């Protein structure tokens, strides 16, 4: 399952529907956002990414149950041995509480690190 299912063949909100059906309290997922042009990503882009994730989780939001969303994001330059070139990833690692919506903690778009949060469901 993915927050963006391939070609959406299994339903537009497959992951969120599954979370509602299983009464999930926490969602943890990994992402890899590629910055195709160096230094083009800005904080506004990261905020738009958060909004996109919330949109993709619409059934969870509509269920009005508190859900903790933890996102671990890749960041920095990595050499791709297949294409023989550098790929730049920008981070948007975050901890978001849904229902009510609140960004609990996040990392910036360029630096590796750890998020430590204190919360309960």
PDB file of N, CA and C in Angstrom:
ATOM      1  N   UNK A   1       0.828  -1.167   0.000  1.00  0.00           N
ATOM      2  CA  UNK A   1       0.000   0.000   0.000  1.00  0.00           C
ATOM      3  C   UNK A   1       0.883   1.244   0.000  1.00  0.00           C
ATOM      4  N   UNK A   2       0.387   2.278  -0.633  1.00  0.00           N
ATOM      5  CA  UNK A   2       1.151   3.514  -0.760  1.00  0.00           C
ATOM      6  C   UNK A   2       0.184   4.678  -0.618  1.00  0.00           C
ATOM      7  N   UNK A   3       0.686   5.816  -0.160  1.00  0.00           N
ATOM      8  CA  UNK A   3      -0.171   6.994  -0.081  1.00  0.00           C
ATOM      9  C   UNK A   3      -0.586   7.432  -1.485  1.00  0.00           C
ATOM     10  N   UNK A   4       0.211   7.050  -2.488  1.00  0.00           N
ATOM     11  CA  UNK A   4      -0.103   7.268  -3.906  1.00  0.00           C
ATOM     12  C   UNK A   4      -0.062   5.924  -4.629  1.00  0.00           C
ATOM     13  N   UNK A   5      -1.163   5.173  -4.653  1.00  0.00           N
ATOM     14  CA  UNK A   5      -1.138   3.872  -5.329  1.00  0.00           C
ATOM     15  C   UNK A   5      -0.828   4.026  -6.813  1.00  0.00           C
ATOM     16  N   UNK A   6      -0.101   3.072  -7.370  1.00  0.00           N
ATOM     17  CA  UNK A   6       0.266   3.119  -8.785  1.00  0.00           C
ATOM     18  C   UNK A   6      -0.993   3.159  -9.642  1.00  0.00           C
ATOM     19  N   UNK A   7      -1.110   4.198 -10.431  1.00  0.00           N
ATOM     20  CA  UNK A   7      -2.241   4.399 -11.338  1.00  0.00           C
ATOM     21  C   UNK A   7      -3.596   4.390 -10.623  1.00  0.00           C
ATOM     22  N   UNK A   8      -3.596   4.425  -9.302  1.00  0.00           N
ATOM     23  CA  UNK A   8      -4.818   4.438  -8.495  1.00  0.00           C
ATOM     24  C   UNK A   8      -5.763   3.299  -8.879  1.00  0.00           C
ATOM     25  N   UNK A   9      -5.193   2.143  -9.221  1.00  0.00           N
ATOM     26  CA  UNK A   9      -6.009   1.000  -9.637  1.00  0.00           C
ATOM     27  C   UNK A   9      -6.727   0.338  -8.462  1.00  0.00           C
ATOM     28  N   UNK A  10      -6.263   0.576  -7.250  1.00  0.00           N
ATOM     29  CA  UNK A  10      -6.895  -0.049  -6.083  1.00  0.00           C
ATOM     30  C   UNK A  10      -7.751   0.947  -5.302  1.00  0.00           C
ATOM     31  N   UNK A  11      -8.074   2.041  -5.901  1.00  0.00           N
ATOM     32  CA  UNK A  11      -8.909   3.044  -5.243  1.00  0.00           C
ATOM     33  C   UNK A  11      -8.128   4.298  -4.956  1.00  0.00           C
ATOM     34  N   UNK A  12      -8.812   5.414  -5.018  1.00  0.00           N
ATOM     35  CA  UNK A  12      -8.155   6.707  -4.854  1.00  0.00           C
ATOM     36  C   UNK A  12      -7.560   6.887  -3.458  1.00  0.00           C
ATOM     37  N   UNK A  13      -8.210   6.302  -2.451  1.00  0.00           N
ATOM     38  CA  UNK A  13      -7.759   6.488  -1.068  1.00  0.00           C
ATOM     39  C   UNK A  13      -7.471   5.138  -0.403  1.00  0.00           C
ATOM     40  N   UNK A  14      -6.802   4.251  -1.116  1.00  0.00           N
ATOM     41  CA  UNK A  14      -6.570   2.897  -0.623  1.00  0.00           C
ATOM     42  C   UNK A  14      -5.994   2.874   0.794  1.00  0.00           C
ATOM     43  N   UNK A  15      -4.941   3.602   1.028  1.00  0.00           N
ATOM     44  CA  UNK A  15      -4.282   3.591   2.331  1.00  0.00           C
ATOM     45  C   UNK A  15      -5.190   4.169   3.410  1.00  0.00           C
ATOM     46  N   UNK A  16      -5.796   5.309   3.140  1.00  0.00           N
ATOM     47  CA  UNK A  16      -6.670   5.940   4.121  1.00  0.00           C
ATOM     48  C   UNK A  16      -7.900   5.077   4.402  1.00  0.00           C
ATOM     49  N   UNK A  17      -8.458   4.470   3.361  1.00  0.00           N
ATOM     50  CA  UNK A  17      -9.603   3.572   3.562  1.00  0.00           C
ATOM     51  C   UNK A  17      -9.211   2.401   4.460  1.00  0.00           C
ATOM     52  N   UNK A  18      -8.033   1.851   4.234  1.00  0.00           N
ATOM     53  CA  UNK A  18      -7.534   0.749   5.066  1.00  0.00           C
ATOM     54  C   UNK A  18      -7.375   1.198   6.521  1.00  0.00           C
ATOM     55  N   UNK A  19      -6.854   2.392   6.719  1.00  0.00           N
ATOM     56  CA  UNK A  19      -6.680   2.903   8.085  1.00  0.00           C
ATOM     57  C   UNK A  19      -8.022   3.026   8.804  1.00  0.00           C
ATOM     58  N   UNK A  20      -9.037   3.511   8.104  1.00  0.00           N
ATOM     59  CA  UNK A  20     -10.363   3.643   8.709  1.00  0.00           C
ATOM     60  C   UNK A  20     -10.934   2.267   9.024  1.00  0.00           C
ATOM     61  N   UNK A  21     -10.808   1.325   8.082  1.00  0.00           N
ATOM     62  CA  UNK A  21     -11.351  -0.027   8.275  1.00  0.00           C
ATOM     63  C   UNK A  21     -10.683  -0.763   9.434  1.00  0.00           C
ATOM     64  N   UNK A  22      -9.394  -0.518   9.647  1.00  0.00           N
ATOM     65  CA  UNK A  22      -8.658  -1.226  10.709  1.00  0.00           C
ATOM     66  C   UNK A  22      -8.548  -0.412  11.993  1.00  0.00           C
ATOM     67  N   UNK A  23      -9.183   0.763  12.003  1.00  0.00           N
ATOM     68  CA  UNK A  23      -9.187   1.611  13.190  1.00  0.00           C
ATOM     69  C   UNK A  23      -7.770   1.984  13.645  1.00  0.00           C
ATOM     70  N   UNK A  24      -6.916   2.303  12.693  1.00  0.00           N
ATOM     71  CA  UNK A  24      -5.512   2.628  12.970  1.00  0.00           C
ATOM     72  C   UNK A  24      -5.378   3.939  13.723  1.00  0.00           C
ATOM     73  N   UNK A  25      -4.354   4.012  14.573  1.00  0.00           N
ATOM     74  CA  UNK A  25      -4.050   5.227  15.335  1.00  0.00           C
ATOM     75  C   UNK A  25      -2.830   5.964  14.800  1.00  0.00           C
ATOM     76  N   UNK A  26      -1.947   5.231  14.088  1.00  0.00           N
ATOM     77  CA  UNK A  26      -0.669   5.790  13.652  1.00  0.00           C
ATOM     78  C   UNK A  26      -0.401   5.368  12.210  1.00  0.00           C
ATOM     79  N   UNK A  27       0.154   6.288  11.436  1.00  0.00           N
ATOM     80  CA  UNK A  27       0.629   5.995  10.090  1.00  0.00           C
ATOM     81  C   UNK A  27       2.096   6.404  10.028  1.00  0.00           C
ATOM     82  N   UNK A  28       2.946   5.478   9.606  1.00  0.00           N
ATOM     83  CA  UNK A  28       4.372   5.762   9.421  1.00  0.00           C
ATOM     84  C   UNK A  28       4.702   5.438   7.968  1.00  0.00           C
ATOM     85  N   UNK A  29       5.296   6.400   7.259  1.00  0.00           N
ATOM     86  CA  UNK A  29       5.721   6.083   5.898  1.00  0.00           C
ATOM     87  C   UNK A  29       6.994   6.838   5.536  1.00  0.00           C
ATOM     88  N   UNK A  30       7.690   6.298   4.532  1.00  0.00           N
ATOM     89  CA  UNK A  30       8.948   6.856   4.037  1.00  0.00           C
ATOM     90  C   UNK A  30       8.684   7.515   2.696  1.00  0.00           C
ATOM     91  N   UNK A  31       9.399   8.600   2.428  1.00  0.00           N
ATOM     92  CA  UNK A  31       9.241   9.264   1.141  1.00  0.00           C
ATOM     93  C   UNK A  31      10.600   9.646   0.573  1.00  0.00           C
ATOM     94  N   UNK A  32      10.615   9.891  -0.726  1.00  0.00           N
ATOM     95  CA  UNK A  32      11.820  10.308  -1.446  1.00  0.00           C
ATOM     96  C   UNK A  32      11.416  11.396  -2.429  1.00  0.00           C
ATOM     97  N   UNK A  33      11.553  12.651  -2.032  1.00  0.00           N
ATOM     98  CA  UNK A  33      11.189  13.758  -2.909  1.00  0.00           C
ATOM     99  C   UNK A  33      12.432  14.249  -3.627  1.00  0.00           C
ATOM    100  N   UNK A  34      12.444  14.133  -4.953  1.00  0.00           N
ATOM    101  CA  UNK A  34      13.598  14.509  -5.755  1.00  0.00           C
ATOM    102  C   UNK A  34      13.515  15.989  -6.100  1.00  0.00           C
ATOM    103  N   UNK A  35      14.634  16.685  -5.859  1.00  0.00           N
ATOM    104  CA  UNK A  35      14.769  18.091  -6.266  1.00  0.00           C
ATOM    105  C   UNK A  35      15.524  18.076  -7.582  1.00  0.00           C
ATOM    106  N   UNK A  36      14.809  18.197  -8.689  1.00  0.00           N
ATOM    107  CA  UNK A  36      15.439  18.070  -9.994  1.00  0.00           C
ATOM    108  C   UNK A  36      16.321  19.256 -10.360  1.00  0.00           C
ATOM    109  N   UNK A  37      16.092  20.389  -9.717  1.00  0.00           N
ATOM    110  CA  UNK A  37      16.934  21.557  -9.955  1.00  0.00           C
ATOM    111  C   UNK A  37      17.458  22.051  -8.617  1.00  0.00           C
ATOM    112  N   UNK A  38      18.760  22.084  -8.479  1.00  0.00           N
ATOM    113  CA  UNK A  38      19.389  22.463  -7.214  1.00  0.00           C
ATOM    114  C   UNK A  38      18.836  23.790  -6.693  1.00  0.00           C
ATOM    115  N   UNK A  39      18.561  23.785  -5.396  1.00  0.00           N
ATOM    116  CA  UNK A  39      18.121  24.982  -4.679  1.00  0.00           C
ATOM    117  C   UNK A  39      16.775  25.552  -5.160  1.00  0.00           C
ATOM    118  N   UNK A  40      15.903  24.704  -5.680  1.00  0.00           N
ATOM    119  CA  UNK A  40      14.608  25.203  -6.137  1.00  0.00           C
ATOM    120  C   UNK A  40      13.498  24.968  -5.115  1.00  0.00           C
ATOM    121  N   UNK A  41      13.749  24.139  -4.134  1.00  0.00           N
ATOM    122  CA  UNK A  41      12.714  23.803  -3.168  1.00  0.00           C
ATOM    123  C   UNK A  41      12.727  24.833  -2.041  1.00  0.00           C
ATOM    124  N   UNK A  42      11.550  25.291  -1.662  1.00  0.00           N
ATOM    125  CA  UNK A  42      11.409  26.278  -0.606  1.00  0.00           C
ATOM    126  C   UNK A  42      10.455  25.758   0.448  1.00  0.00           C
ATOM    127  N   UNK A  43      10.421  26.416   1.588  1.00  0.00           N
ATOM    128  CA  UNK A  43       9.543  25.995   2.679  1.00  0.00           C
ATOM    129  C   UNK A  43       8.082  25.946   2.252  1.00  0.00           C
ATOM    130  N   UNK A  44       7.670  26.811   1.352  1.00  0.00           N
ATOM    131  CA  UNK A  44       6.285  26.778   0.878  1.00  0.00           C
ATOM    132  C   UNK A  44       5.978  25.470   0.154  1.00  0.00           C
ATOM    133  N   UNK A  45       6.982  24.920  -0.543  1.00  0.00           N
ATOM    134  CA  UNK A  45       6.798  23.649  -1.222  1.00  0.00           C
ATOM    135  C   UNK A  45       6.561  22.532  -0.211  1.00  0.00           C
ATOM    136  N   UNK A  46       7.258  22.579   0.914  1.00  0.00           N
ATOM    137  CA  UNK A  46       7.092  21.572   1.959  1.00  0.00           C
ATOM    138  C   UNK A  46       5.700  21.687   2.570  1.00  0.00           C
ATOM    139  N   UNK A  47       5.228  22.889   2.813  1.00  0.00           N
ATOM    140  CA  UNK A  47       3.870  23.079   3.340  1.00  0.00           C
ATOM    141  C   UNK A  47       2.844  22.516   2.361  1.00  0.00           C
ATOM    142  N   UNK A  48       3.067  22.704   1.077  1.00  0.00           N
ATOM    143  CA  UNK A  48       2.167  22.151   0.061  1.00  0.00           C
ATOM    144  C   UNK A  48       2.210  20.625   0.082  1.00  0.00           C
ATOM    145  N   UNK A  49       3.379  20.071   0.349  1.00  0.00           N
ATOM    146  CA  UNK A  49       3.505  18.614   0.466  1.00  0.00           C
ATOM    147  C   UNK A  49       2.678  18.110   1.634  1.00  0.00           C
ATOM    148  N   UNK A  50       2.765  18.771   2.782  1.00  0.00           N
ATOM    149  CA  UNK A  50       1.945  18.372   3.937  1.00  0.00           C
ATOM    150  C   UNK A  50       0.464  18.419   3.591  1.00  0.00           C
ATOM    151  N   UNK A  51       0.046  19.478   2.912  1.00  0.00           N
ATOM    152  CA  UNK A  51      -1.361  19.605   2.524  1.00  0.00           C
ATOM    153  C   UNK A  51      -1.768  18.469   1.589  1.00  0.00           C
ATOM    154  N   UNK A  52      -0.859  18.092   0.697  1.00  0.00           N
ATOM    155  CA  UNK A  52      -1.143  16.996  -0.229  1.00  0.00           C
ATOM    156  C   UNK A  52      -1.347  15.691   0.540  1.00  0.00           C
ATOM    157  N   UNK A  53      -0.477  15.420   1.525  1.00  0.00           N
ATOM    158  CA  UNK A  53      -0.636  14.198   2.314  1.00  0.00           C
ATOM    159  C   UNK A  53      -1.978  14.194   3.032  1.00  0.00           C
ATOM    160  N   UNK A  54      -2.364  15.323   3.602  1.00  0.00           N
ATOM    161  CA  UNK A  54      -3.649  15.405   4.299  1.00  0.00           C
ATOM    162  C   UNK A  54      -4.792  15.157   3.313  1.00  0.00           C
ATOM    163  N   UNK A  55      -4.662  15.695   2.113  1.00  0.00           N
ATOM    164  CA  UNK A  55      -5.677  15.456   1.085  1.00  0.00           C
ATOM    165  C   UNK A  55      -5.761  13.963   0.751  1.00  0.00           C
ATOM    166  N   UNK A  56      -4.613  13.294   0.626  1.00  0.00           N
ATOM    167  CA  UNK A  56      -4.584  11.867   0.297  1.00  0.00           C
ATOM    168  C   UNK A  56      -5.169  11.022   1.432  1.00  0.00           C
ATOM    169  N   UNK A  57      -5.242  11.574   2.629  1.00  0.00           N
ATOM    170  CA  UNK A  57      -5.785  10.862   3.791  1.00  0.00           C
ATOM    171  C   UNK A  57      -7.199  11.322   4.121  1.00  0.00           C
ATOM    172  N   UNK A  58      -7.922  11.849   3.131  1.00  0.00           N
ATOM    173  CA  UNK A  58      -9.257  12.418   3.346  1.00  0.00           C
ATOM    174  C   UNK A  58     -10.200  11.499   4.127  1.00  0.00           C
ATOM    175  N   UNK A  59     -10.294  10.193   3.857  1.00  0.00           N
ATOM    176  CA  UNK A  59     -11.198   9.348   4.648  1.00  0.00           C
ATOM    177  C   UNK A  59     -10.851   9.330   6.137  1.00  0.00           C
ATOM    178  N   UNK A  60      -9.570   9.426   6.465  1.00  0.00           N
ATOM    179  CA  UNK A  60      -9.148   9.477   7.866  1.00  0.00           C
ATOM    180  C   UNK A  60      -9.592  10.801   8.481  1.00  0.00           C
ATOM    181  N   UNK A  61      -9.402  11.880   7.743  1.00  0.00           N
ATOM    182  CA  UNK A  61      -9.797  13.199   8.231  1.00  0.00           C
ATOM    183  C   UNK A  61     -11.308  13.231   8.469  1.00  0.00           C
ATOM    184  N   UNK A  62     -12.074  12.674   7.534  1.00  0.00           N
ATOM    185  CA  UNK A  62     -13.532  12.664   7.659  1.00  0.00           C
ATOM    186  C   UNK A  62     -14.016  11.794   8.816  1.00  0.00           C
ATOM    187  N   UNK A  63     -13.221  10.781   9.189  1.00  0.00           N
ATOM    188  CA  UNK A  63     -13.582   9.900  10.307  1.00  0.00           C
ATOM    189  C   UNK A  63     -13.462  10.623  11.648  1.00  0.00           C
ATOM    190  N   UNK A  64     -12.728  11.729  11.662  1.00  0.00           N
ATOM    191  CA  UNK A  64     -12.571  12.602  12.837  1.00  0.00           C
ATOM    192  C   UNK A  64     -11.950  11.916  14.048  1.00  0.00           C
ATOM    193  N   UNK A  65     -11.210  10.846  13.804  1.00  0.00           N
ATOM    194  CA  UNK A  65     -10.482  10.168  14.869  1.00  0.00           C
ATOM    195  C   UNK A  65      -9.050  10.705  14.885  1.00  0.00           C
ATOM    196  N   UNK A  66      -8.462  10.990  16.051  1.00  0.00           N
ATOM    197  CA  UNK A  66      -7.066  11.451  16.083  1.00  0.00           C
ATOM    198  C   UNK A  66      -6.113  10.393  15.503  1.00  0.00           C
ATOM    199  N   UNK A  67      -5.270  10.825  14.607  1.00  0.00           N
ATOM    200  CA  UNK A  67      -4.291   9.953  13.952  1.00  0.00           C
ATOM    201  C   UNK A  67      -2.940  10.653  13.982  1.00  0.00           C
ATOM    202  N   UNK A  68      -1.908   9.929  14.359  1.00  0.00           N
ATOM    203  CA  UNK A  68      -0.547  10.441  14.325  1.00  0.00           C
ATOM    204  C   UNK A  68       0.102   9.987  13.015  1.00  0.00           C
ATOM    205  N   UNK A  69       0.596  10.936  12.224  1.00  0.00           N
ATOM    206  CA  UNK A  69       1.251  10.646  10.952  1.00  0.00           C
ATOM    207  C   UNK A  69       2.733  10.978  11.106  1.00  0.00           C
ATOM    208  N   UNK A  70       3.578   9.966  10.934  1.00  0.00           N
ATOM    209  CA  UNK A  70       5.029  10.137  11.040  1.00  0.00           C
ATOM    210  C   UNK A  70       5.638   9.870   9.667  1.00  0.00           C
ATOM    211  N   UNK A  71       6.374  10.849   9.158  1.00  0.00           N
ATOM    212  CA  UNK A  71       6.947  10.743   7.826  1.00  0.00           C
ATOM    213  C   UNK A  71       8.465  10.880   7.922  1.00  0.00           C
ATOM    214  N   UNK A  72       9.176   9.878   7.414  1.00  0.00           N
ATOM    215  CA  UNK A  72      10.642   9.912   7.368  1.00  0.00           C
ATOM    216  C   UNK A  72      11.048  10.155   5.923  1.00  0.00           C
ATOM    217  N   UNK A  73      11.801  11.212   5.705  1.00  0.00           N
ATOM    218  CA  UNK A  73      12.137  11.629   4.356  1.00  0.00           C
ATOM    219  C   UNK A  73      13.632  11.579   4.114  1.00  0.00           C
ATOM    220  N   UNK A  74      13.998  11.167   2.948  1.00  0.00           N
ATOM    221  CA  UNK A  74      15.381  11.135   2.503  1.00  0.00           C
ATOM    222  C   UNK A  74      15.825  12.567   2.211  1.00  0.00           C
ATOM    223  N   UNK A  75      17.110  12.875   2.455  1.00  0.00           N
ATOM    224  CA  UNK A  75      17.599  14.230   2.207  1.00  0.00           C
ATOM    225  C   UNK A  75      19.066  14.189   1.781  1.00  0.00           C
ATOM    226  N   UNK A  76      19.447  15.120   0.912  1.00  0.00           N
ATOM    227  CA  UNK A  76      20.847  15.241   0.507  1.00  0.00           C
ATOM    228  C   UNK A  76      21.135  14.662  -0.871  1.00  0.00           C
ATOM    229  N   UNK A  77      22.422  14.650  -1.223  1.00  0.00           N
ATOM    230  CA  UNK A  77      22.874  14.129  -2.511  1.00  0.00           C
ATOM    231  C   UNK A  77      23.226  12.653  -2.401  1.00  0.00           C
ATOM    232  N   UNK A  78      22.817  11.886  -3.397  1.00  0.00           N
ATOM    233  CA  UNK A  78      23.193  10.475  -3.465  1.00  0.00           C
ATOM    234  C   UNK A  78      23.571  10.158  -4.897  1.00  0.00           C
ATOM    235  N   UNK A  79      24.581   9.324  -5.043  1.00  0.00           N
ATOM    236  CA  UNK A  79      25.019   8.914  -6.373  1.00  0.00           C
ATOM    237  C   UNK A  79      24.198   7.716  -6.819  1.00  0.00           C
ATOM    238  N   UNK A  80      23.612   7.813  -8.005  1.00  0.00           N
ATOM    239  CA  UNK A  80      22.836   6.726  -8.586  1.00  0.00           C
ATOM    240  C   UNK A  80      23.758   5.945  -9.524  1.00  0.00           C
ATOM    241  N   UNK A  81      24.093   4.718  -9.145  1.00  0.00           N
ATOM    242  CA  UNK A  81      25.043   3.921  -9.920  1.00  0.00           C
ATOM    243  C   UNK A  81      24.478   3.492 -11.271  1.00  0.00           C
ATOM    244  N   UNK A  82      23.158   3.438 -11.394  1.00  0.00           N
ATOM    245  CA  UNK A  82      22.557   3.038 -12.669  1.00  0.00           C
ATOM    246  C   UNK A  82      22.584   4.179 -13.678  1.00  0.00           C
ATOM    247  N   UNK A  83      22.226   5.382 -13.253  1.00  0.00           N
ATOM    248  CA  UNK A  83      22.219   6.528 -14.172  1.00  0.00           C
ATOM    249  C   UNK A  83      23.571   7.237 -14.204  1.00  0.00           C
ATOM    250  N   UNK A  84      24.432   6.890 -13.257  1.00  0.00           N
ATOM    251  CA  UNK A  84      25.773   7.487 -13.166  1.00  0.00           C
ATOM    252  C   UNK A  84      25.714   9.001 -12.936  1.00  0.00           C
ATOM    253  N   UNK A  85      24.773   9.427 -12.097  1.00  0.00           N
ATOM    254  CA  UNK A  85      24.679  10.854 -11.787  1.00  0.00           C
ATOM    255  C   UNK A  85      24.210  11.039 -10.345  1.00  0.00           C
ATOM    256  N   UNK A  86      24.401  12.257  -9.867  1.00  0.00           N
ATOM    257  CA  UNK A  86      23.957  12.605  -8.517  1.00  0.00           C
ATOM    258  C   UNK A  86      22.459  12.913  -8.540  1.00  0.00           C
ATOM    259  N   UNK A  87      21.780  12.503  -7.503  1.00  0.00           N
ATOM    260  CA  UNK A  87      20.372  12.845  -7.330  1.00  0.00           C
ATOM    261  C   UNK A  87      20.235  13.574  -6.008  1.00  0.00           C
ATOM    262  N   UNK A  88      19.533  14.707  -6.022  1.00  0.00           N
ATOM    263  CA  UNK A  88      19.330  15.483  -4.804  1.00  0.00           C
ATOM    264  C   UNK A  88      17.920  15.222  -4.285  1.00  0.00           C
ATOM    265  N   UNK A  89      17.849  14.852  -3.017  1.00  0.00           N
ATOM    266  CA  UNK A  89      16.572  14.655  -2.343  1.00  0.00           C
ATOM    267  C   UNK A  89      16.381  15.783  -1.340  1.00  0.00           C
ATOM    268  N   UNK A  90      15.152  16.277  -1.231  1.00  0.00           N
ATOM    269  CA  UNK A  90      14.887  17.280  -0.216  1.00  0.00           C
ATOM    270  C   UNK A  90      13.955  16.687   0.822  1.00  0.00           C
ATOM    271  N   UNK A  91      14.169  17.054   2.044  1.00  0.00           N
ATOM    272  CA  UNK A  91      13.428  16.462   3.144  1.00  0.00           C
ATOM    273  C   UNK A  91      12.151  17.194   3.483  1.00  0.00           C
ATOM    274  N   UNK A  92      11.233  16.446   4.024  1.00  0.00           N
ATOM    275  CA  UNK A  92      10.029  17.011   4.621  1.00  0.00           C
ATOM    276  C   UNK A  92       9.601  16.129   5.780  1.00  0.00           C
ATOM    277  N   UNK A  93      10.585  15.538   6.460  1.00  0.00           N
ATOM    278  CA  UNK A  93      10.270  14.679   7.598  1.00  0.00           C
ATOM    279  C   UNK A  93       9.453  15.452   8.619  1.00  0.00           C
ATOM    280  N   UNK A  94       8.410  14.796   9.118  1.00  0.00           N
ATOM    281  CA  UNK A  94       7.505  15.504  10.009  1.00  0.00           C
ATOM    282  C   UNK A  94       6.697  14.556  10.881  1.00  0.00           C
ATOM    283  N   UNK A  95       6.149  15.113  11.923  1.00  0.00           N
ATOM    284  CA  UNK A  95       5.151  14.437  12.753  1.00  0.00           C
ATOM    285  C   UNK A  95       3.927  15.338  12.734  1.00  0.00           C
ATOM    286  N   UNK A  96       2.810  14.802  12.231  1.00  0.00           N
ATOM    287  CA  UNK A  96       1.575  15.566  12.102  1.00  0.00           C
ATOM    288  C   UNK A  96       0.467  14.846  12.876  1.00  0.00           C
ATOM    289  N   UNK A  97      -0.291  15.594  13.626  1.00  0.00           N
ATOM    290  CA  UNK A  97      -1.488  15.050  14.260  1.00  0.00           C
ATOM    291  C   UNK A  97      -2.675  15.463  13.404  1.00  0.00           C
ATOM    292  N   UNK A  98      -3.508  14.498  13.064  1.00  0.00           N
ATOM    293  CA  UNK A  98      -4.742  14.793  12.346  1.00  0.00           C
ATOM    294  C   UNK A  98      -5.912  14.690  13.308  1.00  0.00           C
ATOM    295  N   UNK A  99      -6.846  15.577  13.146  1.00  0.00           N
ATOM    296  CA  UNK A  99      -8.093  15.599  13.940  1.00  0.00           C
ATOM    297  C   UNK A  99      -7.845  15.857  15.416  1.00  0.00           C
ATOM    298  N   UNK A 100      -7.430  17.007  15.845  1.00  0.00           N
ATOM    299  CA  UNK A 100      -7.271  18.228  15.054  1.00  0.00           C
ATOM    300  C   UNK A 100      -5.923  18.241  14.333  1.00  0.00           C
ATOM    301  N   UNK A 101      -5.824  19.005  13.250  1.00  0.00           N
ATOM    302  CA  UNK A 101      -4.604  19.075  12.436  1.00  0.00           C
ATOM    303  C   UNK A 101      -3.578  19.970  13.108  1.00  0.00           C
ATOM    304  N   UNK A 102      -2.366  19.428  13.251  1.00  0.00           N
ATOM    305  CA  UNK A 102      -1.282  20.222  13.822  1.00  0.00           C
ATOM    306  C   UNK A 102       0.044  19.572  13.463  1.00  0.00           C
ATOM    307  N   UNK A 103       0.997  20.372  12.968  1.00  0.00           N
ATOM    308  CA  UNK A 103       2.357  19.883  12.756  1.00  0.00           C
ATOM    309  C   UNK A 103       3.032  19.895  14.123  1.00  0.00           C
ATOM    310  N   UNK A 104       3.397  18.716  14.620  1.00  0.00           N
ATOM    311  CA  UNK A 104       4.001  18.605  15.948  1.00  0.00           C
ATOM    312  C   UNK A 104       5.492  18.916  15.921  1.00  0.00           C
ATOM    313  N   UNK A 105       6.153  18.490  14.848  1.00  0.00           N
ATOM    314  CA  UNK A 105       7.585  18.726  14.709  1.00  0.00           C
ATOM    315  C   UNK A 105       7.962  18.426  13.266  1.00  0.00           C
ATOM    316  N   UNK A 106       9.019  19.075  12.789  1.00  0.00           N
ATOM    317  CA  UNK A 106       9.496  18.764  11.445  1.00  0.00           C
ATOM    318  C   UNK A 106      10.961  19.141  11.320  1.00  0.00           C
ATOM    319  N   UNK A 107      11.596  18.549  10.332  1.00  0.00           N
ATOM    320  CA  UNK A 107      12.981  18.875  10.016  1.00  0.00           C
ATOM    321  C   UNK A 107      12.997  19.785   8.796  1.00  0.00           C
ATOM    322  N   UNK A 108      14.117  20.484   8.599  1.00  0.00           N
ATOM    323  CA  UNK A 108      14.183  21.352   7.427  1.00  0.00           C
ATOM    324  C   UNK A 108      14.479  20.516   6.176  1.00  0.00           C
ATOM    325  N   UNK A 109      14.527  21.189   5.037  1.00  0.00           N
ATOM    326  CA  UNK A 109      14.600  20.484   3.764  1.00  0.00           C
ATOM    327  C   UNK A 109      16.007  20.025   3.372  1.00  0.00           C
ATOM    328  N   UNK A 110      17.030  20.431   4.138  1.00  0.00           N
ATOM    329  CA  UNK A 110      18.395  20.133   3.724  1.00  0.00           C
ATOM    330  C   UNK A 110      19.200  19.280   4.692  1.00  0.00           C
ATOM    331  N   UNK A 111      18.811  19.194   5.948  1.00  0.00           N
ATOM    332  CA  UNK A 111      19.664  18.547   6.944  1.00  0.00           C
ATOM    333  C   UNK A 111      19.068  17.252   7.480  1.00  0.00           C
ATOM    334  N   UNK A 112      19.943  16.270   7.674  1.00  0.00           N
ATOM    335  CA  UNK A 112      19.523  15.030   8.301  1.00  0.00           C
ATOM    336  C   UNK A 112      19.355  15.255   9.796  1.00  0.00           C
ATOM    337  N   UNK A 113      18.515  14.469  10.419  1.00  0.00           N
ATOM    338  CA  UNK A 113      18.322  14.619  11.847  1.00  0.00           C
ATOM    339  C   UNK A 113      17.288  13.648  12.372  1.00  0.00           C
ATOM    340  N   UNK A 114      16.890  13.868  13.608  1.00  0.00           N
ATOM    341  CA  UNK A 114      15.898  13.037  14.282  1.00  0.00           C
ATOM    342  C   UNK A 114      14.794  13.934  14.812  1.00  0.00           C
ATOM    343  N   UNK A 115      13.586  13.420  14.780  1.00  0.00           N
ATOM    344  CA  UNK A 115      12.464  14.104  15.413  1.00  0.00           C
ATOM    345  C   UNK A 115      12.150  13.369  16.707  1.00  0.00           C
ATOM    346  N   UNK A 116      11.982  14.116  17.772  1.00  0.00           N
ATOM    347  CA  UNK A 116      11.561  13.536  19.034  1.00  0.00           C
ATOM    348  C   UNK A 116      10.287  14.275  19.433  1.00  0.00           C
ATOM    349  N   UNK A 117       9.221  13.509  19.611  1.00  0.00           N
ATOM    350  CA  UNK A 117       7.957  14.125  20.003  1.00  0.00           C
ATOM    351  C   UNK A 117       7.410  13.405  21.229  1.00  0.00           C
ATOM    352  N   UNK A 118       6.614  14.104  21.980  1.00  0.00           N
ATOM    353  CA  UNK A 118       5.943  13.541  23.145  1.00  0.00           C
ATOM    354  C   UNK A 118       4.454  13.731  22.912  1.00  0.00           C
ATOM    355  N   UNK A 119       3.748  12.640  22.660  1.00  0.00           N
ATOM    356  CA  UNK A 119       2.323  12.734  22.384  1.00  0.00           C
ATOM    357  C   UNK A 119       1.628  11.467  22.877  1.00  0.00           C
ATOM    358  N   UNK A 120       0.355  11.522  22.930  1.00  0.00           N
ATOM    359  CA  UNK A 120      -0.435  10.331  23.259  1.00  0.00           C
ATOM    360  C   UNK A 120      -1.686  10.353  22.395  1.00  0.00           C
ATOM    361  N   UNK A 121      -2.252   9.173  22.215  1.00  0.00           N
ATOM    362  CA  UNK A 121      -3.495   9.059  21.445  1.00  0.00           C
ATOM    363  C   UNK A 121      -4.605   8.632  22.362  1.00  0.00           C
TER     364      UNK A 121
END
